[in-house]
Amino acid sequence: MKTASRLLQIIALSACFTAQAHGAFSMPGVRQAMRTIDNASQSASQTSATVKIAEAMLS
């Protein structure tokens, strides 16, 4: 599931960059969108690590 999500994000960003390169539209929020995606993936990684630590402690 994580791989599919990452693949969709890459495809979406590639489409946006391609459209901007061809001058189809301007995208002032791309940098913010990339920060949001990065923060979401970091948060998910931290949550996953916390769950693994808790599971190891309970075992």
C-alpha atoms as a PDB file:
ATOM      1  CA  MET A   1       0.000   0.000   0.000  1.00  0.00           C
ATOM      2  CA  LYS A   2       2.866   2.336   0.832  1.00  0.00           C
ATOM      3  CA  THR A   3       4.457   1.638  -2.545  1.00  0.00           C
ATOM      4  CA  ALA A   4       1.206   2.379  -4.384  1.00  0.00           C
ATOM      5  CA  SER A   5       0.797   5.660  -2.518  1.00  0.00           C
ATOM      6  CA  ARG A   6       4.349   6.710  -3.296  1.00  0.00           C
ATOM      7  CA  LEU A   7       3.907   5.752  -6.962  1.00  0.00           C
ATOM      8  CA  LEU A   8       0.741   7.858  -7.237  1.00  0.00           C
ATOM      9  CA  GLN A   9       2.528  10.818  -5.641  1.00  0.00           C
ATOM     10  CA  ILE A  10       5.410  10.514  -8.103  1.00  0.00           C
ATOM     11  CA  ILE A  11       3.032  10.304 -11.065  1.00  0.00           C
ATOM     12  CA  ALA A  12       1.035  13.326  -9.863  1.00  0.00           C
ATOM     13  CA  LEU A  13       4.122  15.470  -9.272  1.00  0.00           C
ATOM     14  CA  SER A  14       5.595  14.416 -12.625  1.00  0.00           C
ATOM     15  CA  ALA A  15       2.393  15.457 -14.372  1.00  0.00           C
ATOM     16  CA  CYS A  16       2.443  18.824 -12.595  1.00  0.00           C
ATOM     17  CA  PHE A  17       6.092  19.470 -13.459  1.00  0.00           C
ATOM     18  CA  THR A  18       5.504  18.478 -17.085  1.00  0.00           C
ATOM     19  CA  ALA A  19       2.500  20.787 -17.355  1.00  0.00           C
ATOM     20  CA  GLN A  20       4.448  23.668 -15.852  1.00  0.00           C
ATOM     21  CA  ALA A  21       7.423  23.058 -18.154  1.00  0.00           C
ATOM     22  CA  HIS A  22       5.099  23.372 -21.145  1.00  0.00           C
ATOM     23  CA  GLY A  23       3.582  26.560 -19.734  1.00  0.00           C
ATOM     24  CA  ALA A  24       0.109  25.089 -19.324  1.00  0.00           C
ATOM     25  CA  PHE A  25      -0.393  26.751 -15.953  1.00  0.00           C
ATOM     26  CA  SER A  26       1.507  28.236 -13.046  1.00  0.00           C
ATOM     27  CA  MET A  27       1.642  26.387  -9.744  1.00  0.00           C
ATOM     28  CA  PRO A  28       2.572  28.611  -6.809  1.00  0.00           C
ATOM     29  CA  GLY A  29       1.678  25.884  -4.289  1.00  0.00           C
ATOM     30  CA  VAL A  30       3.938  23.071  -5.527  1.00  0.00           C
ATOM     31  CA  ARG A  31       6.611  23.753  -2.919  1.00  0.00           C
ATOM     32  CA  GLN A  32       3.995  23.733  -0.149  1.00  0.00           C
ATOM     33  CA  ALA A  33       2.473  20.530  -1.534  1.00  0.00           C
ATOM     34  CA  MET A  34       5.878  18.846  -1.487  1.00  0.00           C
ATOM     35  CA  ARG A  35       6.397  19.945   2.141  1.00  0.00           C
ATOM     36  CA  THR A  36       2.961  18.567   3.047  1.00  0.00           C
ATOM     37  CA  ILE A  37       3.721  15.213   1.396  1.00  0.00           C
ATOM     38  CA  ASP A  38       7.103  15.055   3.136  1.00  0.00           C
ATOM     39  CA  ASN A  39       5.588  15.858   6.535  1.00  0.00           C
ATOM     40  CA  ALA A  40       2.879  13.229   6.055  1.00  0.00           C
ATOM     41  CA  SER A  41       5.405  10.538   5.142  1.00  0.00           C
ATOM     42  CA  GLN A  42       7.649  11.460   8.100  1.00  0.00           C
ATOM     43  CA  SER A  43       4.671  11.347  10.456  1.00  0.00           C
ATOM     44  CA  ALA A  44       3.664   7.928   9.150  1.00  0.00           C
ATOM     45  CA  SER A  45       7.241   6.651   9.568  1.00  0.00           C
ATOM     46  CA  GLN A  46       7.405   7.923  13.144  1.00  0.00           C
ATOM     47  CA  THR A  47       4.058   6.347  13.995  1.00  0.00           C
ATOM     48  CA  SER A  48       5.154   3.045  12.467  1.00  0.00           C
ATOM     49  CA  ALA A  49       8.401   3.099  14.451  1.00  0.00           C
ATOM     50  CA  THR A  50       6.526   3.852  17.692  1.00  0.00           C
ATOM     51  CA  VAL A  51       4.153   0.931  17.092  1.00  0.00           C
ATOM     52  CA  LYS A  52       7.072  -1.422  16.397  1.00  0.00           C
ATOM     53  CA  ILE A  53       8.819  -0.341  19.610  1.00  0.00           C
ATOM     54  CA  ALA A  54       5.621  -0.835  21.612  1.00  0.00           C
ATOM     55  CA  GLU A  55       5.099  -4.289  20.083  1.00  0.00           C
ATOM     56  CA  ALA A  56       8.687  -5.265  20.891  1.00  0.00           C
ATOM     57  CA  MET A  57       8.254  -4.147  24.498  1.00  0.00           C
ATOM     58  CA  LEU A  58       5.049  -6.164  24.871  1.00  0.00           C
ATOM     59  CA  SER A  59       6.576  -9.329  23.406  1.00  0.00           C
END
